[in-house]
């Protein structure tokens, strides 16, 4: 099949490109960075250099594709310390560009990398842009079949714990405790996307993707053991304290408030209601596996 991937060679795009190319698919990877072209081609794929803000470029890139894979990231629109960026607004615009490009190109099969929380129009913090993009794509004609992939929180987000562990000797958040929540590896996300591309498309479907279900205190114990700090604690502070801390280090206000709200929703369980109604089979990469990667990053930081 002729498959076009947005998102360049990131944490998901790279293993997905490798897997699809190995399966014999004709893969085109869209990247805004010309320096990525050589790496893309070395993986057996074709590079299409352009931006998600360019509707004409997207339309041309999507033309003749059997399947288009769509994703949008905060990194694609700006730095989280840039106080002038409207992340939710700009990413929502990318969703509108995707819709127009699909309509113009005639693509009939779409896989969209959305997120946990995309079912919610409030209480999902910064993830609101995923809800917005899903709603935009659902406006496409019914003959366009869409698979919405909703991964849960990435293990990779835990790398943000490293500075706080080193400075304050603890993981610090506005929620914690012993209630389990799902986490996921990009490897398992890429595998789920590849699997869905090989399955029939019909209408609109949602699939959650998770690798393990663990509590904040279990995370602290696992990461602490891996880095040689077996007494590492997950410490809970108030929403106000967390927000003040993030604003003081220069975070974009929308981002800071968005993550505080998101993490509060993790703690009270609102974020996971639809996930548990549609609970997936867990992937193969467990917290213990990621803890080894965390330890390498921690000691090399």
Protein backbone atom coordinates (compact mmCIF):
# COMPACT_ATOMS: atom_id res chain seq x y z
CA UNK A 1 0.00 0.00 0.00
CA UNK A 2 0.96 3.61 -0.49
CA UNK A 3 1.05 5.13 3.00
CA UNK A 4 1.78 8.77 3.85
CA UNK A 5 2.91 9.62 7.36
CA UNK A 6 2.90 13.04 9.00
CA UNK A 7 5.06 13.69 12.05
CA UNK A 8 8.52 13.09 10.57
CA UNK A 9 10.80 10.60 12.38
CA UNK A 10 9.85 11.25 15.98
CA UNK A 11 9.35 8.79 18.81
CA UNK A 12 6.43 7.18 16.98
CA UNK A 13 7.22 8.03 13.37
CA UNK A 14 10.61 6.35 13.32
CA UNK A 15 9.56 2.86 14.51
CA UNK A 16 6.34 3.14 12.46
CA UNK A 17 8.27 3.97 9.29
CA UNK A 18 10.66 1.10 9.91
CA UNK A 19 7.87 -1.41 10.48
CA UNK A 20 5.80 -0.34 7.48
CA UNK A 21 8.82 -0.34 5.16
CA UNK A 22 9.82 -3.80 6.39
CA UNK A 23 6.30 -5.02 5.58
CA UNK A 24 6.83 -3.89 2.00
CA UNK A 25 4.61 -0.83 1.98
CA UNK A 26 5.49 2.24 -0.06
CA UNK A 27 5.99 4.87 2.65
CA UNK A 28 6.22 8.64 2.32
CA UNK A 29 7.25 10.60 5.42
CA UNK A 30 6.34 14.26 5.69
CA UNK A 31 8.92 16.38 7.49
CA UNK A 32 9.48 20.12 7.77
CA UNK A 33 13.22 19.54 8.21
CA UNK A 34 15.20 19.04 4.96
CA UNK A 35 18.01 17.49 7.00
CA UNK A 36 15.73 14.55 7.72
CA UNK A 37 15.56 13.54 4.07
CA UNK A 38 18.69 11.40 4.06
CA UNK A 39 17.64 9.53 7.22
CA UNK A 40 14.13 8.95 5.86
CA UNK A 41 15.45 7.57 2.59
CA UNK A 42 17.94 5.35 4.41
CA UNK A 43 14.94 3.64 6.03
CA UNK A 44 13.46 2.77 2.65
CA UNK A 45 10.90 5.58 2.62
CA UNK A 46 10.43 8.72 0.53
CA UNK A 47 10.72 12.16 2.07
CA UNK A 48 8.20 14.94 1.40
CA UNK A 49 9.55 18.20 2.80
CA UNK A 50 6.96 20.78 3.78
CA UNK A 51 4.79 21.99 6.64
CA UNK A 52 1.42 21.09 8.09
CA UNK A 53 0.45 24.75 7.72
CA UNK A 54 0.70 24.49 3.90
CA UNK A 55 -2.60 23.08 2.63
CA UNK A 56 -1.42 22.88 -0.98
CA UNK A 57 1.64 20.89 0.02
CA UNK A 58 -0.43 18.53 2.18
CA UNK A 59 -2.99 18.01 -0.57
CA UNK A 60 -0.29 17.10 -3.05
CA UNK A 61 1.47 14.80 -0.59
CA UNK A 62 -1.79 12.99 0.24
CA UNK A 63 -2.82 12.49 -3.39
CA UNK A 64 -2.79 8.80 -4.45
CA UNK A 65 -2.26 7.61 -0.87
CA UNK A 66 -4.12 4.48 0.18
CA UNK A 67 -3.80 5.50 3.85
CA UNK A 68 -2.79 8.77 5.48
CA UNK A 69 -1.49 8.87 9.04
CA UNK A 70 -2.16 12.16 10.81
CA UNK A 71 -0.59 13.46 13.98
CA UNK A 72 -0.07 16.85 15.56
CA UNK A 73 2.36 17.82 18.30
CA UNK A 74 3.06 20.85 20.42
CA UNK A 75 6.66 20.84 19.21
CA UNK A 76 5.42 21.46 15.68
CA UNK A 77 4.01 24.87 16.57
CA UNK A 78 6.41 26.29 19.13
CA UNK A 79 8.50 26.16 22.29
CA UNK A 80 6.60 25.60 25.54
CA UNK A 81 8.56 28.52 27.04
CA UNK A 82 7.40 30.90 24.29
CA UNK A 83 4.68 32.89 26.01
CA UNK A 84 3.22 34.18 22.75
CA UNK A 85 2.17 30.80 21.30
CA UNK A 86 -1.48 29.70 21.33
CA UNK A 87 -0.85 25.96 21.20
CA UNK A 88 -4.49 24.90 21.30
CA UNK A 89 -5.49 27.39 18.62
CA UNK A 90 -2.60 26.66 16.27
CA UNK A 91 -2.93 22.89 16.51
CA UNK A 92 -6.66 23.17 15.95
CA UNK A 93 -5.82 25.03 12.72
CA UNK A 94 -3.57 22.13 11.69
CA UNK A 95 -6.60 19.87 12.08
CA UNK A 96 -8.53 22.14 9.73
CA UNK A 97 -5.66 21.96 7.23
CA UNK A 98 -5.71 18.17 7.44
CA UNK A 99 -9.44 18.12 6.73
CA UNK A 100 -9.09 20.34 3.67
CA UNK A 101 -6.13 18.35 2.34
CA UNK A 102 -8.04 15.08 2.70
CA UNK A 103 -11.04 16.54 0.88
CA UNK A 104 -8.87 17.87 -1.94
CA UNK A 105 -6.76 14.72 -2.34
CA UNK A 106 -9.62 12.20 -2.20
CA UNK A 107 -8.06 10.07 0.54
CA UNK A 108 -10.56 7.52 1.87
CA UNK A 109 -8.61 5.90 4.73
CA UNK A 110 -7.17 7.84 7.65
CA UNK A 111 -5.43 6.85 10.86
CA UNK A 112 -5.29 9.73 13.33
CA UNK A 113 -3.00 9.79 16.34
CA UNK A 114 -5.23 11.41 18.93
CA UNK A 115 -4.97 11.00 22.72
CA UNK A 116 -6.60 9.93 25.92
CA UNK A 117 -8.93 12.79 26.87
CA UNK A 118 -10.00 13.48 23.29
CA UNK A 119 -13.53 12.44 24.22
CA UNK A 120 -13.73 15.40 26.63
CA UNK A 121 -14.47 19.04 25.81
CA UNK A 122 -13.40 20.18 29.29
CA UNK A 123 -11.22 19.04 32.22
CA UNK A 124 -8.58 17.67 29.83
CA UNK A 125 -6.25 20.66 30.01
CA UNK A 126 -3.76 21.05 27.20
CA UNK A 127 -5.17 17.91 25.52
CA UNK A 128 -8.18 19.95 24.40
CA UNK A 129 -6.52 20.34 21.00
CA UNK A 130 -6.85 16.59 20.43
CA UNK A 131 -10.58 16.84 21.09
CA UNK A 132 -10.81 19.75 18.67
CA UNK A 133 -8.95 17.94 15.88
CA UNK A 134 -11.05 14.80 16.31
CA UNK A 135 -14.21 16.86 15.99
CA UNK A 136 -12.89 18.53 12.83
CA UNK A 137 -11.98 15.21 11.21
CA UNK A 138 -15.39 13.77 12.10
CA UNK A 139 -16.89 16.42 9.81
CA UNK A 140 -15.35 14.69 6.79
CA UNK A 141 -17.74 12.83 4.46
CA UNK A 142 -18.84 9.43 5.75
CA UNK A 143 -17.00 7.62 2.95
CA UNK A 144 -13.73 8.69 4.62
CA UNK A 145 -13.02 5.92 7.13
CA UNK A 146 -11.08 7.09 10.19
CA UNK A 147 -9.35 5.16 12.95
CA UNK A 148 -8.75 7.37 15.97
CA UNK A 149 -5.82 6.05 18.01
CA UNK A 150 -5.87 7.31 21.59
CA UNK A 151 -2.66 6.53 23.45
CA UNK A 152 -2.48 7.25 27.16
CA UNK A 153 0.33 9.16 28.88
CA UNK A 154 3.77 8.45 27.40
CA UNK A 155 6.47 6.91 29.56
CA UNK A 156 8.75 9.48 27.90
CA UNK A 157 6.95 12.23 29.81
CA UNK A 158 8.59 10.85 32.94
CA UNK A 159 11.94 12.21 31.76
CA UNK A 160 10.63 15.56 32.98
CA UNK A 161 10.93 14.18 36.51
CA UNK A 162 14.74 14.14 36.29
CA UNK A 163 15.49 17.81 37.15
CA UNK A 164 13.13 17.76 40.14
CA UNK A 165 14.55 14.49 41.44
CA UNK A 166 18.05 15.94 41.22
CA UNK A 167 17.13 19.29 42.78
CA UNK A 168 14.55 18.26 45.37
CA UNK A 169 15.02 14.51 45.74
CA UNK A 170 11.43 13.64 44.80
CA UNK A 171 8.90 13.44 42.00
CA UNK A 172 6.51 16.35 42.52
CA UNK A 173 2.99 16.67 41.11
CA UNK A 174 -0.52 17.80 42.03
CA UNK A 175 -1.75 14.20 42.29
CA UNK A 176 -0.33 10.90 43.45
CA UNK A 177 -1.05 7.86 45.60
CA UNK A 178 -1.80 4.21 44.93
CA UNK A 179 -4.50 4.40 42.25
CA UNK A 180 -3.26 2.77 39.06
CA UNK A 181 -3.33 4.64 35.76
CA UNK A 182 -2.25 3.63 32.24
CA UNK A 183 1.04 4.54 30.56
CA UNK A 184 2.36 3.71 27.12
CA UNK A 185 5.55 3.27 25.10
CA UNK A 186 5.87 4.78 21.60
CA UNK A 187 6.97 1.33 20.47
CA UNK A 188 3.58 -0.10 21.41
CA UNK A 189 1.82 2.86 19.79
CA UNK A 190 3.66 2.31 16.51
CA UNK A 191 2.85 -1.41 16.63
CA UNK A 192 -0.87 -0.69 17.18
CA UNK A 193 -0.97 1.81 14.31
CA UNK A 194 0.77 -0.62 11.95
CA UNK A 195 -1.66 -3.34 12.99
CA UNK A 196 -4.68 -1.14 12.31
CA UNK A 197 -3.37 -0.19 8.88
CA UNK A 198 -3.45 -3.85 7.90
CA UNK A 199 -7.04 -4.28 9.09
CA UNK A 200 -10.24 -3.33 7.21
CA UNK A 201 -11.45 0.27 7.45
CA UNK A 202 -15.12 0.96 8.01
CA UNK A 203 -16.69 4.14 9.35
CA UNK A 204 -15.19 5.69 12.45
CA UNK A 205 -13.54 3.76 15.27
CA UNK A 206 -11.58 4.54 18.44
CA UNK A 207 -8.78 2.42 19.87
CA UNK A 208 -6.98 3.19 23.11
CA UNK A 209 -3.33 2.18 23.38
CA UNK A 210 -1.57 1.40 26.68
CA UNK A 211 1.44 -0.62 27.81
CA UNK A 212 1.07 -0.88 31.59
CA UNK A 213 -1.15 0.26 34.45
CA UNK A 214 0.73 1.47 37.52
CA UNK A 215 0.22 3.94 40.36
CA UNK A 216 2.32 7.05 41.06
CA UNK A 217 3.83 5.36 44.11
CA UNK A 218 4.73 2.30 42.03
CA UNK A 219 6.39 4.59 39.50
CA UNK A 220 8.46 6.24 42.23
CA UNK A 221 9.60 2.86 43.54
CA UNK A 222 10.47 1.52 40.08
CA UNK A 223 12.34 4.62 38.95
CA UNK A 224 14.00 5.03 42.34
CA UNK A 225 15.28 1.47 42.26
CA UNK A 226 16.59 1.91 38.72
CA UNK A 227 18.56 5.09 39.54
CA UNK A 228 19.88 3.87 42.89
CA UNK A 229 17.47 5.90 45.03
CA UNK A 230 15.20 3.20 46.52
CA UNK A 231 13.55 5.70 48.88
CA UNK A 232 12.41 8.01 46.08
CA UNK A 233 8.99 9.47 46.86
CA UNK A 234 6.16 10.87 44.72
CA UNK A 235 5.26 14.06 46.58
CA UNK A 236 1.89 15.79 46.14
CA UNK A 237 1.50 19.57 46.20
CA UNK A 238 -1.49 21.80 45.44
CA UNK A 239 -2.58 22.90 41.97
CA UNK A 240 -1.67 26.46 42.92
CA UNK A 241 1.84 25.53 44.06
CA UNK A 242 2.52 23.54 40.91
CA UNK A 243 1.20 26.30 38.65
CA UNK A 244 3.25 28.96 40.43
CA UNK A 245 6.38 26.85 40.09
CA UNK A 246 5.91 26.30 36.38
CA UNK A 247 5.11 29.95 35.68
CA UNK A 248 8.16 31.02 37.68
CA UNK A 249 10.47 28.98 35.46
CA UNK A 250 8.98 30.59 32.39
CA UNK A 251 6.40 28.19 31.00
CA UNK A 252 3.84 29.49 28.53
CA UNK A 253 0.75 30.25 30.66
CA UNK A 254 -1.60 28.17 28.49
CA UNK A 255 0.79 25.22 28.75
CA UNK A 256 1.29 25.55 32.50
CA UNK A 257 -2.42 25.86 33.27
CA UNK A 258 -3.19 23.12 30.76
CA UNK A 259 -0.87 20.61 32.35
CA UNK A 260 -2.04 21.42 35.88
CA UNK A 261 -5.65 20.81 34.82
CA UNK A 262 -4.66 17.65 32.95
CA UNK A 263 -2.82 16.19 35.91
CA UNK A 264 -5.69 17.06 38.25
CA UNK A 265 -7.95 15.10 35.89
CA UNK A 266 -5.54 12.17 36.09
CA UNK A 267 -5.71 12.29 39.86
CA UNK A 268 -9.49 12.43 40.16
CA UNK A 269 -9.99 9.81 37.44
CA UNK A 270 -12.01 11.95 35.01
CA UNK A 271 -9.41 11.50 32.30
CA UNK A 272 -9.75 7.74 32.33
CA UNK A 273 -13.51 7.17 32.35
CA UNK A 274 -13.80 6.42 28.64
CA UNK A 275 -10.53 4.48 28.65
CA UNK A 276 -11.87 2.04 31.24
CA UNK A 277 -15.12 1.68 29.30
CA UNK A 278 -13.04 0.68 26.27
CA UNK A 279 -10.02 -0.86 27.98
CA UNK A 280 -7.43 -2.21 25.50
CA UNK A 281 -5.13 -5.20 25.68
CA UNK A 282 -1.89 -3.90 27.15
CA UNK A 283 1.25 -3.75 25.03
CA UNK A 284 4.57 -5.41 25.70
CA UNK A 285 6.72 -2.54 27.07
CA UNK A 286 6.26 -2.43 30.84
CA UNK A 287 7.29 0.16 33.43
CA UNK A 288 10.23 -2.03 34.45
CA UNK A 289 11.50 -1.89 30.87
CA UNK A 290 11.20 1.88 30.68
CA UNK A 291 12.85 2.29 34.08
CA UNK A 292 16.13 1.12 32.54
CA UNK A 293 15.92 3.83 29.87
CA UNK A 294 15.07 6.34 32.58
CA UNK A 295 18.15 5.35 34.55
CA UNK A 296 20.40 5.87 31.53
CA UNK A 297 18.91 9.30 30.91
CA UNK A 298 19.14 10.20 34.61
CA UNK A 299 22.82 9.33 34.91
CA UNK A 300 23.71 10.97 31.59
CA UNK A 301 21.85 14.21 32.33
